[in-house]
Protein backbone atom coordinates (compact mmCIF):
# COMPACT_ATOMS: atom_id res chain seq x y z
CA MET A 1 0.00 0.00 0.00
CA THR A 2 2.85 2.37 0.82
CA LYS A 3 4.44 1.73 -2.56
CA LEU A 4 1.14 2.48 -4.28
CA ILE A 5 0.84 5.82 -2.50
CA ALA A 6 4.45 6.68 -3.41
CA LEU A 7 3.77 5.77 -7.04
CA LEU A 8 0.65 7.98 -7.09
CA LEU A 9 2.60 10.91 -5.63
CA ILE A 10 5.35 10.53 -8.23
CA LEU A 11 2.68 10.38 -10.93
CA ALA A 12 1.04 13.56 -9.56
CA MET A 13 4.42 15.34 -9.61
CA ALA A 14 5.03 14.22 -13.20
CA ILE A 15 1.59 15.42 -14.27
CA GLN A 16 2.27 18.74 -12.54
CA LEU A 17 5.43 19.14 -14.64
CA ILE A 18 3.59 18.38 -17.88
CA LYS A 19 0.34 20.24 -17.22
CA PRO A 20 -0.26 22.07 -13.94
CA LEU A 21 -3.13 20.74 -11.83
CA GLY A 22 -4.61 24.19 -11.27
CA LEU A 23 -5.22 23.72 -7.55
CA PRO A 24 -4.51 26.65 -5.23
CA GLY A 25 -0.75 26.78 -4.82
CA LEU A 26 -0.19 24.41 -7.75
CA ARG A 27 -0.80 26.70 -10.71
CA ARG A 28 2.75 26.75 -12.15
CA ARG A 29 4.87 23.87 -13.40
CA MET A 30 7.63 24.74 -10.95
CA ASP A 31 5.29 24.01 -8.02
CA PHE A 32 5.75 20.23 -8.33
CA TRP A 33 8.08 20.25 -5.31
CA LYS A 34 5.16 21.33 -3.10
CA ILE A 35 3.54 17.93 -3.67
CA ALA A 36 6.67 16.22 -2.34
CA LEU A 37 6.86 18.61 0.63
CA ILE A 38 3.23 17.96 1.59
CA ALA A 39 3.74 14.20 1.22
CA PHE A 40 6.85 14.34 3.44
CA GLY A 41 4.92 16.27 6.08
CA ILE A 42 2.07 13.76 6.09
CA TRP A 43 4.57 10.89 6.26
CA ALA A 44 6.36 12.48 9.24
CA VAL A 45 3.09 13.04 11.13
CA ASP A 46 2.06 9.45 10.42
CA LEU A 47 5.35 8.11 11.79
CA LEU A 48 5.06 10.24 14.92
CA LEU A 49 1.49 9.12 15.53
CA ARG A 50 2.43 5.47 15.08
CA ASP A 51 5.32 5.88 17.51
CA PHE A 52 3.25 7.59 20.22
CA LEU A 53 0.07 5.58 19.88
CA MET A 54 1.52 2.08 19.56
């Protein structure tokens, strides 16, 4: 499941480079790095929650 999510994020970044998604904050092609930054933040929060709750 984790590999599927990573693959979808990479696909979203590639699509952003080809044709911007048009979402707020993702209107230019150079904004593809924001997708990776958001994914890293979610991943870090998930790891912290797993560590504290388990």
